[in-house]
Amino acid sequence: MGTADLMRSGHVDSFARDNLPPRESWPRLDLAAAGLSYPERLNVVTEFVDRHVAEGRGERDAVIGPSETWSYRALAEIVNRIANVLTRDLGMVPGNRVLLRAANTPMMVATYFAVLKAGGVVVATMPMLRAGELAYPIRKARIGLALCDATLVDELKAAQQLAAELSTIVTWGDGELEALMDKAGYESFEPADTAQDDVCLIAFTSGTTGEPKGTMHFQRDLLAICDAYGARVLQAAPDDRFIGSPPLAFTFGLGGIVLFPLRIGAACILPAKVAPPDLAEAIERHRATVCFTAPTAYRAMLGKLAERDLSSLRICVSAGETLPKATFDAWQEATGLPLMDGIGATEMLHIFIGAPRGKIRPGSTGLPVPGYEAKVVDEDGKEVPDGTPGRLAVRGPTGCRYLADPRQAKYILDGWNVTGDTYLRDGDGYFWYQARSDDMIISAGYNIAGPEVEASLLTHVAVAECGVVGAPCPERGQIVKAYVLLREGFTGDAALAKALQEHVKATIAPYKYPRAIAFVTTLPKTSTGKLQRFALREIARLEASAS
């Protein structure tokens, strides 16, 4: 089966549709089973922005930046002006891919929606990426046009020398894009007549397990995550004010900070800096009520509670990496708020397992988001009994479609997305994270989940961050090795290593303790801040071979 069963595309440039994986290799995507329905012709900007103006909410705050606050009406006009620039001045046609490069700023939001409204396909990139990392998606997605914050253009220009596909870069913040936007007649724009299953976003994975993959998402997918997780689990309200730290190029950030609030007419707050101390300050200043960030940030903000008033918060979502129970307990004790854990994937666009606030079980990731199904399977795809660790498989209204990538066949099994995570499900249907499937350490016959050891180490007062992997060992196959970044005031010596080992033995099964500990000053991470365990494994392998 090809793509003949798709709806009539609104794209003039058919690259995205032409490079979808073969239809038979897709996961099952069942909107009806999820209780969702969207019109065949759909441009999501009408739902996220224009609808609020049309229905009388145009003066509500939409986007709050460091020095500007845009109402929904103001955002709509700015989006229209950029969409006109794209189509009238820059020659963009529906289906063209447009690279965006910026931090989390109001203009990043506006350019994002402008590309979508004009029928383009957004390829958003992390601000920290270097030229070689930017050249990869440019070549892979054949991107000819980029919009870029002027302060970040140097690396993009260097990438242009490596990727000839990129012919045009237009910057903002230096007046270039602004001058084009300021033309008479650019204040209105008719949305492109796109289909609900036209690709509108190619999100590249963060590289936790190697070469990034381009994940392709439809117009309807952006609404589906709002109407599934957003409406049924998060349950925020129009008067909420959303804030968070993930980059908008990271789909966790896109959904949590922009799409979820704008779907319901709420406001999104985009501080200039989002390191934990800055995030805490911005929560206090803007009286934010909903926060999306990673466990490490919540842990770091605990130290700021004495000097920052975070009492405006009412919903705190944790995702991007496993949530240690120690962090959950400490945050709840300090703030009275439970952290809403969740697991998502770039392939799935956003969170697909996570419990509503009244159903949270500390230590558990939660329940399948209504509209999604999840199960735990063995290597052959057969469901295993509750209480048995296995591979997590999920399906629902969103799912994996890689851009021209043979790894599609590895991610999809009989219509299910197999995420690469090891989980177990209990008798009540709650899912409990064990490890990334390739993070499982097998030592002397024992299966040891590296993240579990990390969670134990993080409860020690000396440990700021850590990564735990299997290191080759001739006697045991592998040993547990911990790479530890210490808090200020502690010295990484033999005595502290011994103390950490004893601490782990006292908090989890003794056989899981790290037999080797290396004190480090940095840990390898992706541009989204995720620990790159594959890089640590390679370091451990090289260290073992050299000894």
Protein backbone atom coordinates (compact mmCIF):
# COMPACT_ATOMS: atom_id res chain seq x y z
CA MET A 1 0.00 0.00 0.00
CA GLY A 2 1.32 3.44 -0.85
CA THR A 3 0.08 6.86 0.18
CA ALA A 4 -2.94 6.80 -2.14
CA ASP A 5 -5.26 6.52 0.85
CA LEU A 6 -4.12 9.90 2.17
CA MET A 7 -6.27 12.97 1.66
CA ARG A 8 -5.73 15.45 -1.15
CA SER A 9 -2.60 17.31 -0.17
CA GLY A 10 -2.43 21.07 -0.03
CA HIS A 11 1.30 20.94 -0.73
CA VAL A 12 2.78 22.19 -3.99
CA ASP A 13 6.19 20.78 -2.98
CA SER A 14 5.49 17.07 -2.42
CA PHE A 15 8.83 16.19 -0.79
CA ALA A 16 7.39 15.45 2.66
CA ARG A 17 4.61 13.20 1.44
CA ASP A 18 6.92 11.51 -1.06
CA ASN A 19 9.36 10.65 1.75
CA LEU A 20 6.91 9.22 4.24
CA PRO A 21 7.75 5.60 5.01
CA PRO A 22 5.79 2.89 3.17
CA ARG A 23 2.23 2.87 4.46
CA GLU A 24 2.46 -0.74 5.62
CA SER A 25 5.31 0.21 7.98
CA TRP A 26 3.31 2.88 9.82
CA PRO A 27 1.88 2.31 13.27
CA ARG A 28 -1.88 2.11 13.59
CA LEU A 29 -3.17 5.69 13.81
CA ASP A 30 -6.78 5.58 14.93
CA LEU A 31 -8.39 8.92 15.70
CA ALA A 32 -11.86 7.44 16.13
CA ALA A 33 -10.65 4.95 18.74
CA ALA A 34 -9.08 7.88 20.59
CA GLY A 35 -12.36 9.80 20.50
CA LEU A 36 -10.89 12.50 18.25
CA SER A 37 -12.16 13.91 14.97
CA TYR A 38 -10.86 16.69 12.74
CA PRO A 39 -12.02 18.12 9.40
CA GLU A 40 -10.33 16.86 6.23
CA ARG A 41 -9.09 20.35 5.39
CA LEU A 42 -7.16 21.65 8.38
CA ASN A 43 -4.66 24.42 9.03
CA VAL A 44 -3.92 24.31 12.74
CA VAL A 45 -3.09 28.00 13.09
CA THR A 46 -6.79 28.73 12.77
CA GLU A 47 -7.30 26.65 15.93
CA PHE A 48 -4.32 27.85 17.94
CA VAL A 49 -4.55 31.56 17.11
CA ASP A 50 -7.26 32.82 14.75
CA ARG A 51 -10.17 31.08 16.49
CA HIS A 52 -9.54 32.96 19.72
CA VAL A 53 -9.70 36.29 17.91
CA ALA A 54 -12.83 35.30 16.00
CA GLU A 55 -14.56 34.17 19.19
CA GLY A 56 -13.88 37.38 21.10
CA ARG A 57 -10.72 36.45 23.01
CA GLY A 58 -8.35 38.56 20.95
CA GLU A 59 -7.27 40.79 23.84
CA ARG A 60 -6.22 37.92 26.11
CA ASP A 61 -2.50 37.47 26.70
CA ALA A 62 -1.06 34.85 24.37
CA VAL A 63 2.74 35.17 24.48
CA ILE A 64 4.72 36.86 27.25
CA GLY A 65 8.39 37.56 26.54
CA PRO A 66 11.12 39.38 28.45
CA SER A 67 10.17 42.78 27.07
CA GLU A 68 6.86 42.27 25.25
CA THR A 69 3.43 40.80 25.78
CA TRP A 70 1.39 39.86 22.72
CA SER A 71 -2.35 39.40 22.81
CA TYR A 72 -3.94 36.80 20.58
CA ARG A 73 -4.90 39.61 18.20
CA ALA A 74 -1.33 40.92 18.07
CA LEU A 75 0.07 37.42 17.61
CA ALA A 76 -2.36 36.79 14.75
CA GLU A 77 -1.23 39.90 12.90
CA ILE A 78 2.47 39.17 13.38
CA VAL A 79 1.94 35.61 12.13
CA ASN A 80 0.09 36.96 9.10
CA ARG A 81 2.84 39.44 8.31
CA ILE A 82 5.54 36.76 8.44
CA ALA A 83 3.41 34.39 6.35
CA ASN A 84 3.13 37.09 3.70
CA VAL A 85 6.89 37.61 3.76
CA LEU A 86 7.41 33.89 3.32
CA THR A 87 5.10 33.58 0.33
CA ARG A 88 5.36 36.99 -1.36
CA ASP A 89 8.98 37.97 -0.73
CA LEU A 90 10.79 34.68 -0.21
CA GLY A 91 8.94 32.48 -2.67
CA MET A 92 7.89 29.80 -0.20
CA VAL A 93 5.20 27.42 -1.47
CA PRO A 94 3.16 24.94 0.57
CA GLY A 95 5.24 21.87 1.36
CA ASN A 96 8.59 23.71 1.46
CA ARG A 97 10.63 22.96 4.57
CA VAL A 98 11.70 26.00 6.58
CA LEU A 99 14.40 25.80 9.23
CA LEU A 100 13.91 27.89 12.35
CA ARG A 101 16.77 28.78 14.67
CA ALA A 102 16.16 30.70 17.87
CA ALA A 103 15.84 30.39 21.60
CA ASN A 104 12.38 30.29 23.17
CA THR A 105 11.23 33.76 22.16
CA PRO A 106 7.96 35.32 21.00
CA MET A 107 9.37 35.59 17.47
CA MET A 108 10.20 31.89 17.48
CA VAL A 109 6.52 31.20 18.20
CA ALA A 110 5.38 33.65 15.52
CA THR A 111 7.68 32.29 12.82
CA TYR A 112 6.65 28.74 13.72
CA PHE A 113 2.96 29.50 13.23
CA ALA A 114 3.65 31.60 10.13
CA VAL A 115 5.33 28.67 8.39
CA LEU A 116 2.39 26.43 9.33
CA LYS A 117 -0.20 28.97 8.20
CA ALA A 118 1.55 29.31 4.85
CA GLY A 119 1.43 25.53 4.45
CA GLY A 120 5.11 24.94 5.07
CA VAL A 121 6.87 22.26 7.06
CA VAL A 122 8.71 23.47 10.17
CA VAL A 123 12.15 22.09 11.02
CA ALA A 124 12.98 23.77 14.32
CA THR A 125 16.54 23.46 15.65
CA MET A 126 18.13 23.80 19.06
CA PRO A 127 20.01 27.06 19.69
CA MET A 128 23.08 25.16 20.94
CA LEU A 129 23.61 23.19 17.72
CA ARG A 130 26.82 23.79 15.83
CA ALA A 131 27.36 24.00 12.07
CA GLY A 132 27.86 20.29 11.49
CA GLU A 133 24.79 19.44 13.54
CA LEU A 134 22.71 21.98 11.61
CA ALA A 135 23.93 20.78 8.24
CA TYR A 136 22.55 17.29 8.85
CA PRO A 137 18.81 18.20 8.93
CA ILE A 138 19.32 20.74 6.13
CA ARG A 139 20.61 18.00 3.88
CA LYS A 140 18.24 15.30 5.11
CA ALA A 141 15.09 17.43 4.74
CA ARG A 142 16.40 19.41 1.74
CA ILE A 143 15.78 22.78 3.33
CA GLY A 144 16.20 25.84 1.14
CA LEU A 145 15.04 28.59 3.50
CA ALA A 146 15.85 29.44 7.10
CA LEU A 147 14.57 32.09 9.51
CA CYS A 148 17.05 32.80 12.27
CA ASP A 149 17.54 35.04 15.28
CA ALA A 150 20.38 37.35 14.25
CA THR A 151 22.34 36.52 17.41
CA LEU A 152 22.55 32.87 16.33
CA VAL A 153 23.23 33.24 12.62
CA ASP A 154 26.99 32.59 12.57
CA GLU A 155 26.74 28.82 13.03
CA LEU A 156 23.91 28.69 10.50
CA LYS A 157 26.01 30.50 7.92
CA ALA A 158 28.81 28.04 8.61
CA ALA A 159 26.32 25.19 8.13
CA GLN A 160 25.34 26.72 4.79
CA GLN A 161 28.89 26.06 3.60
CA LEU A 162 28.39 22.38 4.41
CA ALA A 163 24.86 22.06 3.02
CA ALA A 164 24.33 23.67 -0.36
CA GLU A 165 20.59 23.01 -0.15
CA LEU A 166 20.20 26.06 2.12
CA SER A 167 20.06 29.00 -0.30
CA THR A 168 18.38 31.71 1.80
CA ILE A 169 18.78 32.85 5.42
CA VAL A 170 16.63 35.70 6.73
CA THR A 171 17.31 37.06 10.20
CA TRP A 172 15.27 38.95 12.74
CA GLY A 173 16.44 41.14 15.59
CA ASP A 174 18.65 43.11 13.20
CA GLY A 175 15.78 44.59 11.20
CA GLU A 176 15.93 42.34 8.13
CA LEU A 177 12.76 40.33 8.62
CA GLU A 178 11.09 43.22 10.41
CA ALA A 179 11.51 45.49 7.38
CA LEU A 180 9.88 42.92 5.13
CA MET A 181 7.01 42.44 7.59
CA ASP A 182 6.26 46.15 7.74
CA LYS A 183 4.56 46.34 4.34
CA ALA A 184 1.07 47.58 3.68
CA GLY A 185 -1.44 44.81 3.11
CA TYR A 186 0.55 42.21 5.03
CA GLU A 187 -1.69 42.30 8.11
CA SER A 188 -4.03 39.59 6.81
CA PHE A 189 -3.32 36.17 5.31
CA GLU A 190 -5.56 33.37 4.11
CA PRO A 191 -4.46 30.05 5.64
CA ALA A 192 -3.08 27.49 3.21
CA ASP A 193 -5.64 24.85 2.26
CA THR A 194 -3.81 21.95 3.84
CA ALA A 195 -5.13 18.47 4.61
CA GLN A 196 -5.30 17.15 8.15
CA ASP A 197 -2.72 14.53 7.11
CA ASP A 198 -0.30 16.93 5.44
CA VAL A 199 3.09 16.92 7.15
CA CYS A 200 3.64 20.21 8.97
CA LEU A 201 6.56 19.37 11.25
CA ILE A 202 9.75 17.34 10.93
CA ALA A 203 11.22 17.03 14.41
CA PHE A 204 14.68 15.53 14.61
CA THR A 205 15.44 13.28 17.55
CA SER A 206 17.99 14.55 20.03
CA GLY A 207 20.55 11.85 19.34
CA THR A 208 20.40 9.97 22.63
CA THR A 209 21.07 6.76 20.73
CA GLY A 210 23.14 7.98 17.79
CA GLU A 211 22.37 9.70 14.44
CA PRO A 212 19.24 11.87 14.65
CA LYS A 213 16.10 10.69 12.89
CA GLY A 214 13.55 13.02 11.32
CA THR A 215 10.09 12.33 12.74
CA MET A 216 7.20 13.51 10.56
CA HIS A 217 4.00 14.87 12.06
CA PHE A 218 0.70 15.84 10.47
CA GLN A 219 -1.38 18.98 10.96
CA ARG A 220 -3.88 16.96 13.02
CA ASP A 221 -1.15 15.60 15.30
CA LEU A 222 -0.57 19.02 16.82
CA LEU A 223 -4.21 19.14 17.89
CA ALA A 224 -4.33 15.48 18.93
CA ILE A 225 -1.72 15.87 21.66
CA CYS A 226 -3.64 18.85 23.05
CA ASP A 227 -6.96 17.05 22.96
CA ALA A 228 -5.56 13.83 24.44
CA TYR A 229 -2.85 14.56 27.03
CA GLY A 230 -3.63 18.27 27.35
CA ALA A 231 -7.37 17.97 27.89
CA ARG A 232 -7.59 14.58 29.58
CA VAL A 233 -4.50 14.44 31.79
CA LEU A 234 -3.04 17.93 32.23
CA GLN A 235 -6.50 19.53 32.57
CA ALA A 236 -5.31 23.13 32.57
CA ALA A 237 -7.64 26.13 32.27
CA PRO A 238 -7.76 29.28 30.09
CA ASP A 239 -6.57 31.44 32.99
CA ASP A 240 -3.42 29.38 33.47
CA ARG A 241 0.00 30.77 32.62
CA PHE A 242 2.44 28.21 31.23
CA ILE A 243 6.22 28.27 31.61
CA GLY A 244 9.07 25.82 31.15
CA SER A 245 12.63 25.19 30.10
CA PRO A 246 12.62 22.74 27.13
CA PRO A 247 13.52 24.30 23.77
CA LEU A 248 10.61 24.69 21.37
CA ALA A 249 12.58 22.57 18.91
CA PHE A 250 12.11 19.74 21.41
CA THR A 251 8.53 18.50 21.05
CA PHE A 252 8.18 18.27 24.86
CA GLY A 253 8.71 22.04 24.92
CA LEU A 254 6.58 22.77 21.86
CA GLY A 255 3.57 21.02 23.34
CA GLY A 256 4.03 21.98 26.97
CA ILE A 257 4.94 25.62 26.58
CA VAL A 258 3.10 26.68 23.40
CA LEU A 259 0.53 24.29 21.96
CA PHE A 260 -1.23 23.29 25.19
CA PRO A 261 -1.83 26.87 26.38
CA LEU A 262 -2.77 28.26 22.98
CA ARG A 263 -5.22 25.43 22.36
CA ILE A 264 -7.30 26.61 25.33
CA GLY A 265 -6.69 30.36 25.09
CA ALA A 266 -4.18 30.51 27.94
CA ALA A 267 -0.84 32.35 28.03
CA CYS A 268 2.69 31.07 27.46
CA ILE A 269 5.65 32.70 29.21
CA LEU A 270 9.03 32.70 27.48
CA PRO A 271 11.82 33.96 29.78
CA ALA A 272 15.15 35.00 28.30
CA LYS A 273 16.96 32.43 30.46
CA VAL A 274 15.62 29.10 31.72
CA ALA A 275 18.38 27.64 33.88
CA PRO A 276 16.79 26.56 37.19
CA PRO A 277 17.58 29.79 39.10
CA ASP A 278 16.24 31.88 36.19
CA LEU A 279 13.18 29.68 35.80
CA ALA A 280 12.38 30.06 39.49
CA GLU A 281 12.72 33.85 39.20
CA ALA A 282 10.44 33.93 36.15
CA ILE A 283 7.80 31.78 37.85
CA GLU A 284 7.72 34.26 40.72
CA ARG A 285 7.73 37.37 38.51
CA HIS A 286 5.04 36.23 36.08
CA ARG A 287 2.99 34.21 38.58
CA ALA A 288 3.18 31.15 36.37
CA THR A 289 0.75 28.36 37.22
CA VAL A 290 1.86 25.45 34.98
CA CYS A 291 5.50 24.37 34.65
CA PHE A 292 7.07 21.91 32.24
CA THR A 293 10.68 20.94 32.89
CA ALA A 294 12.97 18.00 33.60
CA PRO A 295 13.54 16.30 36.97
CA THR A 296 17.02 17.80 37.29
CA ALA A 297 15.53 21.31 37.11
CA TYR A 298 12.94 20.60 39.80
CA ARG A 299 15.70 19.19 41.96
CA ALA A 300 17.82 22.30 41.42
CA MET A 301 14.91 24.67 42.11
CA LEU A 302 14.42 23.10 45.52
CA GLY A 303 17.46 25.06 46.62
CA LYS A 304 15.80 28.34 45.55
CA LEU A 305 12.55 27.96 47.46
CA ALA A 306 13.82 29.98 50.40
CA GLU A 307 14.41 33.02 48.20
CA ARG A 308 11.72 32.61 45.51
CA ASP A 309 7.94 32.57 45.84
CA LEU A 310 6.67 29.73 43.69
CA SER A 311 3.26 29.58 45.33
CA SER A 312 1.49 30.50 42.07
CA LEU A 313 2.29 27.05 40.66
CA ARG A 314 -0.53 24.54 40.64
CA ILE A 315 0.57 22.02 37.97
CA CYS A 316 4.14 20.72 37.59
CA VAL A 317 4.96 18.30 34.77
CA SER A 318 8.19 16.33 34.68
CA ALA A 319 9.39 14.55 31.55
CA GLY A 320 12.41 14.24 29.29
CA GLU A 321 14.15 11.77 31.61
CA THR A 322 13.18 9.41 34.39
CA LEU A 323 11.82 11.04 37.55
CA PRO A 324 13.61 9.72 40.67
CA LYS A 325 11.23 9.11 43.55
CA ALA A 326 13.60 11.08 45.80
CA THR A 327 13.00 14.16 43.63
CA PHE A 328 9.24 13.57 43.61
CA ASP A 329 9.16 13.26 47.39
CA ALA A 330 11.36 16.29 48.01
CA TRP A 331 9.35 18.53 45.66
CA GLN A 332 6.02 17.48 47.12
CA GLU A 333 7.26 17.95 50.68
CA ALA A 334 8.59 21.41 49.88
CA THR A 335 5.74 22.72 47.72
CA GLY A 336 2.75 20.51 48.46
CA LEU A 337 2.52 19.75 44.73
CA PRO A 338 2.98 16.30 43.20
CA LEU A 339 5.12 16.16 40.08
CA MET A 340 3.17 14.82 37.11
CA ASP A 341 5.56 12.30 35.60
CA GLY A 342 5.21 11.36 31.96
CA ILE A 343 6.92 9.58 29.14
CA GLY A 344 6.79 10.79 25.58
CA ALA A 345 8.89 10.44 22.48
CA THR A 346 9.74 12.64 19.53
CA GLU A 347 8.26 9.88 17.40
CA MET A 348 4.94 10.15 19.29
CA LEU A 349 5.16 13.98 19.47
CA HIS A 350 4.36 14.20 23.19
CA ILE A 351 3.46 12.34 26.38
CA PHE A 352 1.51 9.09 26.02
CA ILE A 353 1.75 7.71 29.58
CA GLY A 354 1.12 9.95 32.59
CA ALA A 355 -1.45 10.06 35.38
CA PRO A 356 -3.82 12.95 36.15
CA ARG A 357 -3.06 14.68 39.44
CA GLY A 358 -5.62 12.64 41.39
CA LYS A 359 -4.27 9.30 40.20
CA ILE A 360 -0.50 9.72 40.63
CA ARG A 361 1.46 6.88 42.20
CA PRO A 362 4.91 8.07 43.26
CA GLY A 363 7.62 6.19 41.39
CA SER A 364 5.28 5.15 38.59
CA THR A 365 5.17 6.92 35.23
CA GLY A 366 1.42 6.51 35.30
CA LEU A 367 -1.38 5.26 33.07
CA PRO A 368 -1.81 5.37 29.30
CA VAL A 369 -3.14 8.76 28.24
CA PRO A 370 -6.82 8.31 27.29
CA GLY A 371 -6.80 7.65 23.56
CA TYR A 372 -3.56 5.65 23.72
CA GLU A 373 -2.96 1.99 24.45
CA ALA A 374 0.23 0.60 25.99
CA LYS A 375 1.54 -2.87 26.73
CA VAL A 376 4.79 -4.60 27.69
CA VAL A 377 6.12 -7.14 25.20
CA ASP A 378 9.00 -9.56 24.81
CA GLU A 379 11.53 -9.60 21.97
CA ASP A 380 8.99 -11.26 19.67
CA GLY A 381 6.28 -8.71 20.40
CA LYS A 382 4.25 -11.03 22.61
CA GLU A 383 2.65 -9.40 25.64
CA VAL A 384 4.24 -10.47 28.93
CA PRO A 385 2.43 -10.98 32.26
CA ASP A 386 2.01 -8.03 34.62
CA GLY A 387 5.05 -7.59 36.85
CA THR A 388 7.43 -8.82 34.12
CA PRO A 389 9.90 -6.34 32.61
CA GLY A 390 9.82 -6.01 28.84
CA ARG A 391 9.73 -3.58 25.95
CA LEU A 392 7.17 -0.79 26.04
CA ALA A 393 4.81 -0.73 23.06
CA VAL A 394 2.24 2.01 22.48
CA ARG A 395 -0.26 3.14 19.86
CA GLY A 396 -2.80 5.90 19.55
CA PRO A 397 -3.67 8.96 17.44
CA THR A 398 0.00 9.87 16.91
CA GLY A 399 2.92 7.65 15.95
CA CYS A 400 6.25 7.16 14.25
CA ARG A 401 6.85 8.07 10.62
CA TYR A 402 10.56 8.58 9.98
CA LEU A 403 11.77 10.72 7.11
CA ALA A 404 13.32 8.32 4.56
CA ASP A 405 14.91 6.15 7.25
CA PRO A 406 15.19 2.34 7.35
CA ARG A 407 15.01 2.48 11.15
CA GLN A 408 11.22 2.77 10.71
CA ALA A 409 11.11 -1.03 10.55
CA LYS A 410 12.80 -1.30 13.96
CA TYR A 411 10.49 1.15 15.73
CA ILE A 412 7.20 -0.33 14.49
CA LEU A 413 6.08 -3.86 15.31
CA ASP A 414 2.66 -5.05 14.11
CA GLY A 415 1.23 -1.54 14.21
CA TRP A 416 2.68 -0.69 17.63
CA ASN A 417 5.40 1.88 18.39
CA VAL A 418 8.18 0.13 20.33
CA THR A 419 9.88 2.96 22.15
CA GLY A 420 13.14 1.39 23.31
CA ASP A 421 12.18 1.62 26.99
CA THR A 422 12.05 -1.26 29.44
CA TYR A 423 8.91 -1.14 31.60
CA LEU A 424 6.75 -3.31 33.74
CA ARG A 425 3.01 -2.94 34.25
CA ASP A 426 1.43 -3.72 37.60
CA GLY A 427 -1.92 -5.35 38.21
CA ASP A 428 -3.68 -1.98 38.36
CA GLY A 429 -2.44 -0.96 34.93
CA TYR A 430 0.27 1.46 36.11
CA PHE A 431 3.54 1.50 34.18
CA TRP A 432 6.86 1.49 36.02
CA TYR A 433 10.01 2.59 34.23
CA GLN A 434 13.02 0.27 34.44
CA ALA A 435 15.51 1.62 31.90
CA ARG A 436 16.08 2.39 28.30
CA SER A 437 16.26 -1.05 26.74
CA ASP A 438 19.87 -0.48 25.82
CA ASP A 439 20.66 0.95 29.26
CA MET A 440 20.12 -2.39 30.97
CA ILE A 441 23.37 -3.59 32.56
CA ILE A 442 23.86 -7.36 32.73
CA SER A 443 26.41 -8.19 35.43
CA ALA A 444 27.11 -11.73 36.60
CA GLY A 445 23.64 -12.76 35.48
CA TYR A 446 21.85 -9.87 37.13
CA ASN A 447 19.84 -7.33 35.10
CA ILE A 448 20.52 -3.88 36.53
CA ALA A 449 18.84 -0.71 35.29
CA GLY A 450 21.35 2.13 35.16
CA PRO A 451 18.73 4.85 35.87
CA GLU A 452 17.75 3.08 39.09
CA VAL A 453 21.34 3.32 40.32
CA GLU A 454 21.44 6.96 39.22
CA ALA A 455 18.29 7.65 41.23
CA SER A 456 19.92 6.13 44.31
CA LEU A 457 23.10 8.15 43.91
CA LEU A 458 21.09 11.36 43.49
CA THR A 459 19.72 10.97 47.02
CA HIS A 460 23.26 11.45 48.41
CA VAL A 461 24.00 15.00 49.47
CA ALA A 462 27.31 15.09 47.55
CA VAL A 463 25.89 14.20 44.13
CA ALA A 464 24.77 16.92 41.74
CA GLU A 465 24.45 14.79 38.59
CA CYS A 466 25.44 11.31 37.52
CA GLY A 467 25.34 8.76 34.74
CA VAL A 468 25.50 5.01 35.21
CA VAL A 469 26.40 2.51 32.49
CA GLY A 470 27.80 -0.95 32.09
CA ALA A 471 31.57 -1.17 31.75
CA PRO A 472 33.18 -4.27 30.20
CA CYS A 473 34.54 -6.77 32.75
CA PRO A 474 36.15 -10.13 31.90
CA GLU A 475 34.88 -11.79 35.08
CA ARG A 476 31.33 -10.45 35.29
CA GLY A 477 30.59 -9.50 31.69
CA GLN A 478 29.87 -5.98 32.81
CA ILE A 479 30.17 -4.02 36.00
CA VAL A 480 28.12 -1.04 37.05
CA LYS A 481 30.15 2.13 36.57
CA ALA A 482 29.04 5.55 37.78
CA TYR A 483 30.24 8.87 36.42
CA VAL A 484 29.56 11.41 39.14
CA LEU A 485 29.54 15.21 39.10
CA LEU A 486 29.82 16.48 42.68
CA ARG A 487 28.22 19.42 44.37
CA GLU A 488 30.43 22.33 45.36
CA GLY A 489 32.37 21.67 48.53
CA PHE A 490 32.88 17.93 48.05
CA THR A 491 36.11 16.22 46.98
CA GLY A 492 36.10 13.17 44.76
CA ASP A 493 38.43 10.81 46.57
CA ALA A 494 38.51 7.15 47.56
CA ALA A 495 36.69 7.85 50.81
CA LEU A 496 33.76 9.52 49.05
CA ALA A 497 33.64 6.78 46.41
CA LYS A 498 33.35 4.22 49.20
CA ALA A 499 30.66 6.27 50.90
CA LEU A 500 28.64 6.47 47.69
CA GLN A 501 28.91 2.72 47.19
CA GLU A 502 27.68 2.06 50.70
CA HIS A 503 24.88 4.57 50.18
CA VAL A 504 23.64 2.71 47.10
CA LYS A 505 23.87 -0.63 48.89
CA ALA A 506 21.72 0.82 51.65
CA THR A 507 19.03 2.22 49.36
CA ILE A 508 18.61 -0.44 46.63
CA ALA A 509 19.56 -4.10 46.24
CA PRO A 510 23.27 -4.36 47.13
CA TYR A 511 24.20 -6.20 43.93
CA LYS A 512 23.30 -3.04 41.99
CA TYR A 513 25.96 -0.85 43.58
CA PRO A 514 28.55 0.78 41.29
CA ARG A 515 31.75 -1.24 41.49
CA ALA A 516 33.58 1.64 39.77
CA ILE A 517 33.07 5.36 40.31
CA ALA A 518 34.66 8.11 38.25
CA PHE A 519 34.41 11.71 39.40
CA VAL A 520 33.94 14.06 36.43
CA THR A 521 33.39 17.76 35.78
CA THR A 522 30.91 17.30 32.91
CA LEU A 523 28.59 14.65 31.52
CA PRO A 524 27.84 14.17 27.81
CA LYS A 525 24.37 15.47 27.01
CA THR A 526 22.19 16.15 24.01
CA SER A 527 21.17 19.68 23.11
CA THR A 528 17.92 19.06 25.02
CA GLY A 529 19.86 18.28 28.20
CA LYS A 530 19.38 14.52 28.15
CA LEU A 531 22.22 12.35 29.35
CA GLN A 532 23.89 10.55 26.44
CA ARG A 533 24.41 7.13 27.95
CA PHE A 534 25.65 5.75 24.64
CA ALA A 535 28.54 8.24 24.87
CA LEU A 536 29.25 7.17 28.45
CA ARG A 537 29.22 3.52 27.38
CA GLU A 538 31.82 4.29 24.73
CA ILE A 539 33.97 6.11 27.31
CA ALA A 540 33.69 3.11 29.63
CA ARG A 541 34.63 0.74 26.81
CA LEU A 542 37.71 2.77 25.88
CA GLU A 543 38.78 3.07 29.51
CA ALA A 544 38.42 -0.69 29.99
CA SER A 545 40.42 -1.51 26.87
CA ALA A 546 43.20 0.86 27.94
CA SER A 547 43.55 -0.66 31.40
